Amino acid sequence: MIVTKNRGRPVEFDKNKIIKVARTLFAELGFAGASTRLIAQKAGCNVAMIGYYFKNKEGLLDIILTLYFQEATKVFSHFDLSTVDSSLEFFEFSDRDIRQFCKALYEFAVYSYSNREIHQIVIRDTMSGGKLMLNALAKNDYGVVPVIHKRLKYFIGQKKLPNDLDINVVGLNLIAPITCVCISGQIATKIHGFEKIDESFFRRLCVNQVKILFSDYKKL
C-alpha cells in the first residue's frame, strides 16, 4: 500500500517499473484492455501513482513511445556514414558504403526486435480502429525513416542505384520484413521453419535484403 505525505503527495515510486509493466500489458491486451488499475496492480503500486507521474493512461503511453523514439533516433543515425567509422563487418560486400549501410540496417533490426512490444502495441491498436496510437506516433515522430531515404539518395548520386529508384517503396521493403518479425515472430518461425529469431537471423536477413537491392546495379 502506498503511504501519502501530509499534503497528499504520494511517496516516490520507481516509475520505470510502471512503464515496463504498461508496455507489456499494452502489447498483450491492447491500450483499451489494459486498465490503469491492472497496470498499478502488476507494478505493485497505488493507481494514484499513474496519475501522479503520467496524468493518465494516455500520458503513460506517450512516455513509452517518446522513450522508444528517442533511442531509435540514435540507432537510425548510424545510416549517416559521416557519424560512424567504416564497418569492417559484413564482408559479403566489398563496397565500404554498402557494408556500412547493411550494418546500420542490422542494428535497426536488432533494436526493433528488442522493443517488439512497441510494434505489437501499434498493430493491436490499429486493428481495433483506435486513433490514439496514430496520434501518439505522429507526436513522437523524430523523422527516423527519412534518414534511410537520405542514404538511398546518396547511393543514387554515387551511381550505385538507378535514378528512377522509388525511394518510398524501397524504404518500405527494407523495413517491412523487420517489422513483420517484430509483430508476429512466433508465427513466422512456425510458418517458415526458423529455429529461432536472434542476431544471427537478422544478420542473414539484412545481408539478403541489401544484396537484392544492389545486385542489379552494382557488382558486389
C-alpha atoms as a PDB file:
ATOM      1  CA  MET A   1       0.000   0.000   0.000  1.00  0.00           C
ATOM      2  CA  ILE A   2       1.316   3.446  -0.897  1.00  0.00           C
ATOM      3  CA  VAL A   3       1.574   5.874   2.000  1.00  0.00           C
ATOM      4  CA  THR A   4       0.885   9.529   1.292  1.00  0.00           C
ATOM      5  CA  LYS A   5       2.572  12.583   2.739  1.00  0.00           C
ATOM      6  CA  ASN A   6       0.704  15.149   4.835  1.00  0.00           C
ATOM      7  CA  ARG A   7      -0.113  17.356   1.858  1.00  0.00           C
ATOM      8  CA  GLY A   8      -1.430  14.469  -0.218  1.00  0.00           C
ATOM      9  CA  ARG A   9       1.654  13.948  -2.374  1.00  0.00           C
ATOM     10  CA  PRO A  10       2.377  10.246  -2.987  1.00  0.00           C
ATOM     11  CA  VAL A  11       5.592   8.708  -1.741  1.00  0.00           C
ATOM     12  CA  GLU A  12       8.125   8.266  -4.553  1.00  0.00           C
ATOM     13  CA  PHE A  13       7.882   5.060  -6.590  1.00  0.00           C
ATOM     14  CA  ASP A  14      10.062   3.716  -9.400  1.00  0.00           C
ATOM     15  CA  LYS A  15       8.133   4.998 -12.390  1.00  0.00           C
ATOM     16  CA  ASN A  16      10.294   2.917 -14.744  1.00  0.00           C
ATOM     17  CA  LYS A  17       8.649  -0.163 -13.264  1.00  0.00           C
ATOM     18  CA  ILE A  18       5.248   1.239 -14.179  1.00  0.00           C
ATOM     19  CA  ILE A  19       6.477   1.939 -17.719  1.00  0.00           C
ATOM     20  CA  LYS A  20       7.846  -1.592 -18.112  1.00  0.00           C
ATOM     21  CA  VAL A  21       4.641  -3.211 -16.867  1.00  0.00           C
ATOM     22  CA  ALA A  22       2.462  -0.948 -19.018  1.00  0.00           C
ATOM     23  CA  ARG A  23       4.454  -1.788 -22.165  1.00  0.00           C
ATOM     24  CA  THR A  24       3.880  -5.486 -21.620  1.00  0.00           C
ATOM     25  CA  LEU A  25       0.191  -5.133 -20.840  1.00  0.00           C
ATOM     26  CA  PHE A  26      -0.469  -2.763 -23.748  1.00  0.00           C
ATOM     27  CA  ALA A  27       1.190  -5.308 -26.056  1.00  0.00           C
ATOM     28  CA  GLU A  28      -0.756  -8.254 -24.642  1.00  0.00           C
ATOM     29  CA  LEU A  29      -4.167  -6.677 -24.045  1.00  0.00           C
ATOM     30  CA  GLY A  30      -4.179  -3.555 -26.190  1.00  0.00           C
ATOM     31  CA  PHE A  31      -4.421   0.011 -24.937  1.00  0.00           C
ATOM     32  CA  ALA A  32      -8.125  -0.265 -24.160  1.00  0.00           C
ATOM     33  CA  GLY A  33      -7.782  -3.654 -22.482  1.00  0.00           C
ATOM     34  CA  ALA A  34      -5.017  -2.656 -20.075  1.00  0.00           C
ATOM     35  CA  SER A  35      -6.668  -0.595 -17.347  1.00  0.00           C
ATOM     36  CA  THR A  36      -4.751   1.710 -15.045  1.00  0.00           C
ATOM     37  CA  ARG A  37      -5.925  -0.422 -12.143  1.00  0.00           C
ATOM     38  CA  LEU A  38      -4.420  -3.543 -13.693  1.00  0.00           C
ATOM     39  CA  ILE A  39      -1.171  -1.738 -14.530  1.00  0.00           C
ATOM     40  CA  ALA A  40      -0.886  -0.486 -10.971  1.00  0.00           C
ATOM     41  CA  GLN A  41      -1.654  -3.933  -9.580  1.00  0.00           C
ATOM     42  CA  LYS A  42       1.050  -5.618 -11.697  1.00  0.00           C
ATOM     43  CA  ALA A  43       3.546  -2.864 -10.913  1.00  0.00           C
ATOM     44  CA  GLY A  44       2.827  -3.119  -7.193  1.00  0.00           C
ATOM     45  CA  CYS A  45       1.749   0.451  -6.637  1.00  0.00           C
ATOM     46  CA  ASN A  46      -1.345   2.500  -5.969  1.00  0.00           C
ATOM     47  CA  VAL A  47      -3.296   3.536  -9.066  1.00  0.00           C
ATOM     48  CA  ALA A  48      -2.823   7.155  -7.979  1.00  0.00           C
ATOM     49  CA  MET A  49       0.865   6.845  -8.876  1.00  0.00           C
ATOM     50  CA  ILE A  50      -0.027   6.648 -12.559  1.00  0.00           C
ATOM     51  CA  GLY A  51      -1.866   9.944 -12.308  1.00  0.00           C
ATOM     52  CA  TYR A  52       0.979  11.458 -10.303  1.00  0.00           C
ATOM     53  CA  TYR A  53       3.700  10.567 -12.823  1.00  0.00           C
ATOM     54  CA  PHE A  54       1.802  10.430 -16.140  1.00  0.00           C
ATOM     55  CA  LYS A  55      -1.547  12.231 -15.546  1.00  0.00           C
ATOM     56  CA  ASN A  56      -3.476   9.380 -17.156  1.00  0.00           C
ATOM     57  CA  LYS A  57      -3.138   6.274 -19.302  1.00  0.00           C
ATOM     58  CA  GLU A  58      -2.709   8.352 -22.459  1.00  0.00           C
ATOM     59  CA  GLY A  59       0.192  10.167 -20.838  1.00  0.00           C
ATOM     60  CA  LEU A  60       1.743   6.840 -19.880  1.00  0.00           C
ATOM     61  CA  LEU A  61       1.557   5.644 -23.488  1.00  0.00           C
ATOM     62  CA  ASP A  62       3.045   8.911 -24.690  1.00  0.00           C
ATOM     63  CA  ILE A  63       6.058   8.485 -22.386  1.00  0.00           C
ATOM     64  CA  ILE A  64       6.559   4.906 -23.578  1.00  0.00           C
ATOM     65  CA  LEU A  65       6.624   5.991 -27.220  1.00  0.00           C
ATOM     66  CA  THR A  66       8.775   9.037 -26.515  1.00  0.00           C
ATOM     67  CA  LEU A  67      11.462   6.936 -24.855  1.00  0.00           C
ATOM     68  CA  TYR A  68      11.362   4.435 -27.712  1.00  0.00           C
ATOM     69  CA  PHE A  69      11.704   7.017 -30.467  1.00  0.00           C
ATOM     70  CA  GLN A  70      14.415   8.955 -28.680  1.00  0.00           C
ATOM     71  CA  GLU A  71      16.566   5.822 -28.615  1.00  0.00           C
ATOM     72  CA  ALA A  72      15.501   4.839 -32.139  1.00  0.00           C
ATOM     73  CA  THR A  73      16.787   8.194 -33.391  1.00  0.00           C
ATOM     74  CA  LYS A  74      20.271   7.274 -32.172  1.00  0.00           C
ATOM     75  CA  VAL A  75      20.077   3.894 -33.898  1.00  0.00           C
ATOM     76  CA  PHE A  76      18.883   5.409 -37.169  1.00  0.00           C
ATOM     77  CA  SER A  77      21.701   7.960 -37.083  1.00  0.00           C
ATOM     78  CA  HIS A  78      24.063   5.114 -37.994  1.00  0.00           C
ATOM     79  CA  PHE A  79      22.655   5.251 -41.519  1.00  0.00           C
ATOM     80  CA  ASP A  80      24.525   8.536 -41.855  1.00  0.00           C
ATOM     81  CA  LEU A  81      28.028   7.429 -42.859  1.00  0.00           C
ATOM     82  CA  SER A  82      29.600  10.631 -41.544  1.00  0.00           C
ATOM     83  CA  THR A  83      28.691   9.737 -37.960  1.00  0.00           C
ATOM     84  CA  VAL A  84      30.315   6.306 -37.750  1.00  0.00           C
ATOM     85  CA  ASP A  85      33.565   4.580 -38.600  1.00  0.00           C
ATOM     86  CA  SER A  86      33.808   2.401 -41.664  1.00  0.00           C
ATOM     87  CA  SER A  87      32.357  -1.009 -40.915  1.00  0.00           C
ATOM     88  CA  LEU A  88      34.747  -3.920 -41.012  1.00  0.00           C
ATOM     89  CA  GLU A  89      31.811  -6.244 -40.659  1.00  0.00           C
ATOM     90  CA  PHE A  90      29.632  -7.698 -43.409  1.00  0.00           C
ATOM     91  CA  PHE A  91      32.481  -8.923 -45.530  1.00  0.00           C
ATOM     92  CA  GLU A  92      29.908 -10.046 -48.108  1.00  0.00           C
ATOM     93  CA  PHE A  93      30.195  -6.571 -49.620  1.00  0.00           C
ATOM     94  CA  SER A  94      33.392  -5.044 -50.950  1.00  0.00           C
ATOM     95  CA  ASP A  95      31.970  -1.514 -51.072  1.00  0.00           C
ATOM     96  CA  ARG A  96      32.522   0.363 -47.798  1.00  0.00           C
ATOM     97  CA  ASP A  97      29.324   2.394 -48.024  1.00  0.00           C
ATOM     98  CA  ILE A  98      27.152  -0.621 -48.763  1.00  0.00           C
ATOM     99  CA  ARG A  99      28.837  -2.533 -45.975  1.00  0.00           C
ATOM    100  CA  GLN A 100      28.066   0.257 -43.521  1.00  0.00           C
ATOM    101  CA  PHE A 101      24.500   0.538 -44.794  1.00  0.00           C
ATOM    102  CA  CYS A 102      23.963  -3.160 -44.129  1.00  0.00           C
ATOM    103  CA  LYS A 103      25.396  -2.792 -40.640  1.00  0.00           C
ATOM    104  CA  ALA A 104      23.032   0.090 -39.865  1.00  0.00           C
ATOM    105  CA  LEU A 105      20.059  -1.914 -41.151  1.00  0.00           C
ATOM    106  CA  TYR A 106      21.133  -4.832 -38.978  1.00  0.00           C
ATOM    107  CA  GLU A 107      21.459  -2.630 -35.879  1.00  0.00           C
ATOM    108  CA  PHE A 108      17.979  -1.263 -36.523  1.00  0.00           C
ATOM    109  CA  ALA A 109      16.603  -4.800 -36.842  1.00  0.00           C
ATOM    110  CA  VAL A 110      18.146  -5.958 -33.574  1.00  0.00           C
ATOM    111  CA  TYR A 111      16.963  -2.819 -31.776  1.00  0.00           C
ATOM    112  CA  SER A 112      13.433  -3.136 -33.139  1.00  0.00           C
ATOM    113  CA  TYR A 113      13.172  -6.770 -32.121  1.00  0.00           C
ATOM    114  CA  SER A 114      14.385  -6.000 -28.610  1.00  0.00           C
ATOM    115  CA  ASN A 115      11.500  -3.498 -28.468  1.00  0.00           C
ATOM    116  CA  ARG A 116       8.953  -5.641 -30.282  1.00  0.00           C
ATOM    117  CA  GLU A 117       6.309  -4.835 -27.672  1.00  0.00           C
ATOM    118  CA  ILE A 118       6.085  -1.364 -29.233  1.00  0.00           C
ATOM    119  CA  HIS A 119       5.271  -2.858 -32.641  1.00  0.00           C
ATOM    120  CA  GLN A 120       2.700  -5.155 -31.075  1.00  0.00           C
ATOM    121  CA  ILE A 121       1.051  -2.222 -29.320  1.00  0.00           C
ATOM    122  CA  VAL A 122       0.847  -0.308 -32.597  1.00  0.00           C
ATOM    123  CA  ILE A 123      -0.664  -3.141 -34.628  1.00  0.00           C
ATOM    124  CA  ARG A 124      -3.132  -4.120 -31.906  1.00  0.00           C
ATOM    125  CA  ASP A 125      -4.407  -0.577 -31.555  1.00  0.00           C
ATOM    126  CA  THR A 126      -4.555  -0.072 -35.330  1.00  0.00           C
ATOM    127  CA  MET A 127      -6.589  -3.249 -35.847  1.00  0.00           C
ATOM    128  CA  SER A 128      -9.065  -2.113 -33.219  1.00  0.00           C
ATOM    129  CA  GLY A 129      -9.580   1.139 -35.118  1.00  0.00           C
ATOM    130  CA  GLY A 130      -8.129   3.302 -32.385  1.00  0.00           C
ATOM    131  CA  LYS A 131      -6.722   6.716 -33.280  1.00  0.00           C
ATOM    132  CA  LEU A 132      -4.827   7.304 -30.060  1.00  0.00           C
ATOM    133  CA  MET A 133      -1.787   5.330 -31.170  1.00  0.00           C
ATOM    134  CA  LEU A 134      -1.566   7.093 -34.528  1.00  0.00           C
ATOM    135  CA  ASN A 135      -1.773  10.475 -32.823  1.00  0.00           C
ATOM    136  CA  ALA A 136       0.906   9.458 -30.331  1.00  0.00           C
ATOM    137  CA  LEU A 137       3.157   8.205 -33.117  1.00  0.00           C
ATOM    138  CA  ALA A 138       2.760  11.448 -35.052  1.00  0.00           C
ATOM    139  CA  LYS A 139       3.590  13.456 -31.949  1.00  0.00           C
ATOM    140  CA  ASN A 140       6.723  11.409 -31.302  1.00  0.00           C
ATOM    141  CA  ASP A 141       7.943  11.144 -34.897  1.00  0.00           C
ATOM    142  CA  TYR A 142      11.563  12.275 -34.865  1.00  0.00           C
ATOM    143  CA  GLY A 143      11.977  11.725 -38.593  1.00  0.00           C
ATOM    144  CA  VAL A 144      13.831   8.432 -38.423  1.00  0.00           C
ATOM    145  CA  VAL A 145      12.638   6.992 -41.734  1.00  0.00           C
ATOM    146  CA  PRO A 146      13.854   9.974 -43.817  1.00  0.00           C
ATOM    147  CA  VAL A 147      17.368   9.103 -42.647  1.00  0.00           C
ATOM    148  CA  ILE A 148      17.134   5.922 -44.715  1.00  0.00           C
ATOM    149  CA  HIS A 149      15.731   7.891 -47.629  1.00  0.00           C
ATOM    150  CA  LYS A 150      18.678  10.276 -47.399  1.00  0.00           C
ATOM    151  CA  ARG A 151      21.104   7.366 -47.608  1.00  0.00           C
ATOM    152  CA  LEU A 152      19.301   5.912 -50.634  1.00  0.00           C
ATOM    153  CA  LYS A 153      19.553   9.311 -52.362  1.00  0.00           C
ATOM    154  CA  TYR A 154      23.271   9.259 -51.616  1.00  0.00           C
ATOM    155  CA  PHE A 155      23.602   5.900 -53.352  1.00  0.00           C
ATOM    156  CA  ILE A 156      21.675   7.246 -56.340  1.00  0.00           C
ATOM    157  CA  GLY A 157      24.064  10.185 -56.515  1.00  0.00           C
ATOM    158  CA  GLN A 158      27.017   7.785 -56.388  1.00  0.00           C
ATOM    159  CA  LYS A 159      25.540   5.787 -59.307  1.00  0.00           C
ATOM    160  CA  LYS A 160      25.180   2.740 -57.097  1.00  0.00           C
ATOM    161  CA  LEU A 161      21.411   2.803 -57.504  1.00  0.00           C
ATOM    162  CA  PRO A 162      19.351   3.960 -60.520  1.00  0.00           C
ATOM    163  CA  ASN A 163      17.981   7.477 -60.860  1.00  0.00           C
ATOM    164  CA  ASP A 164      14.402   6.245 -61.143  1.00  0.00           C
ATOM    165  CA  LEU A 165      14.526   4.295 -57.875  1.00  0.00           C
ATOM    166  CA  ASP A 166      11.284   4.612 -55.912  1.00  0.00           C
ATOM    167  CA  ILE A 167      12.730   5.565 -52.531  1.00  0.00           C
ATOM    168  CA  ASN A 168       9.441   5.225 -50.657  1.00  0.00           C
ATOM    169  CA  VAL A 169       8.876   1.689 -51.910  1.00  0.00           C
ATOM    170  CA  VAL A 170      12.470   0.613 -51.295  1.00  0.00           C
ATOM    171  CA  GLY A 171      12.442   2.106 -47.801  1.00  0.00           C
ATOM    172  CA  LEU A 172       9.272   0.206 -47.003  1.00  0.00           C
ATOM    173  CA  ASN A 173      10.696  -3.010 -48.454  1.00  0.00           C
ATOM    174  CA  LEU A 174      13.739  -2.714 -46.203  1.00  0.00           C
ATOM    175  CA  ILE A 175      11.752  -2.086 -43.029  1.00  0.00           C
ATOM    176  CA  ALA A 176       8.687  -4.296 -43.597  1.00  0.00           C
ATOM    177  CA  PRO A 177      10.323  -7.720 -43.016  1.00  0.00           C
ATOM    178  CA  ILE A 178      11.841  -6.474 -39.768  1.00  0.00           C
ATOM    179  CA  THR A 179       8.537  -5.031 -38.589  1.00  0.00           C
ATOM    180  CA  CYS A 180       6.694  -8.220 -39.563  1.00  0.00           C
ATOM    181  CA  VAL A 181       9.016 -10.343 -37.447  1.00  0.00           C
ATOM    182  CA  CYS A 182       8.599  -7.948 -34.514  1.00  0.00           C
ATOM    183  CA  ILE A 183       4.819  -8.215 -34.726  1.00  0.00           C
ATOM    184  CA  SER A 184       4.465 -11.955 -35.276  1.00  0.00           C
ATOM    185  CA  GLY A 185       7.833 -13.576 -34.686  1.00  0.00           C
ATOM    186  CA  GLN A 186       6.415 -16.740 -33.173  1.00  0.00           C
ATOM    187  CA  ILE A 187       4.105 -17.288 -36.139  1.00  0.00           C
ATOM    188  CA  ALA A 188       6.906 -16.564 -38.606  1.00  0.00           C
ATOM    189  CA  THR A 189       9.175 -19.180 -37.066  1.00  0.00           C
ATOM    190  CA  LYS A 190       6.477 -21.837 -37.338  1.00  0.00           C
ATOM    191  CA  ILE A 191       5.392 -20.989 -40.886  1.00  0.00           C
ATOM    192  CA  HIS A 192       8.878 -20.580 -42.353  1.00  0.00           C
ATOM    193  CA  GLY A 193      10.702 -23.113 -40.213  1.00  0.00           C
ATOM    194  CA  PHE A 194      13.184 -20.847 -38.450  1.00  0.00           C
ATOM    195  CA  GLU A 195      14.788 -22.458 -35.450  1.00  0.00           C
ATOM    196  CA  LYS A 196      14.844 -19.150 -33.607  1.00  0.00           C
ATOM    197  CA  ILE A 197      14.960 -15.416 -34.172  1.00  0.00           C
ATOM    198  CA  ASP A 198      18.212 -13.957 -32.911  1.00  0.00           C
ATOM    199  CA  GLU A 199      21.036 -11.687 -34.038  1.00  0.00           C
ATOM    200  CA  SER A 200      22.294 -14.335 -36.445  1.00  0.00           C
ATOM    201  CA  PHE A 201      18.886 -14.450 -38.102  1.00  0.00           C
ATOM    202  CA  PHE A 202      18.771 -10.676 -38.551  1.00  0.00           C
ATOM    203  CA  ARG A 203      22.275 -10.673 -39.971  1.00  0.00           C
ATOM    204  CA  ARG A 204      21.221 -13.117 -42.690  1.00  0.00           C
ATOM    205  CA  LEU A 205      18.027 -11.169 -43.314  1.00  0.00           C
ATOM    206  CA  CYS A 206      19.799  -7.831 -43.749  1.00  0.00           C
ATOM    207  CA  VAL A 207      22.531  -9.251 -45.971  1.00  0.00           C
ATOM    208  CA  ASN A 208      19.863 -10.788 -48.198  1.00  0.00           C
ATOM    209  CA  GLN A 209      17.890  -7.535 -48.433  1.00  0.00           C
ATOM    210  CA  VAL A 210      20.950  -5.457 -49.281  1.00  0.00           C
ATOM    211  CA  LYS A 211      22.103  -7.968 -51.888  1.00  0.00           C
ATOM    212  CA  ILE A 212      18.718  -7.822 -53.572  1.00  0.00           C
ATOM    213  CA  LEU A 213      18.730  -4.020 -53.528  1.00  0.00           C
ATOM    214  CA  PHE A 214      22.166  -3.542 -55.061  1.00  0.00           C
ATOM    215  CA  SER A 215      22.837  -6.683 -57.093  1.00  0.00           C
ATOM    216  CA  ASP A 216      21.144  -5.442 -60.265  1.00  0.00           C
ATOM    217  CA  TYR A 217      23.031  -2.145 -60.284  1.00  0.00           C
ATOM    218  CA  LYS A 218      26.463  -2.811 -58.859  1.00  0.00           C
ATOM    219  CA  LYS A 219      28.849  -5.738 -58.814  1.00  0.00           C
ATOM    220  CA  LEU A 220      29.258  -6.626 -55.154  1.00  0.00           C
END
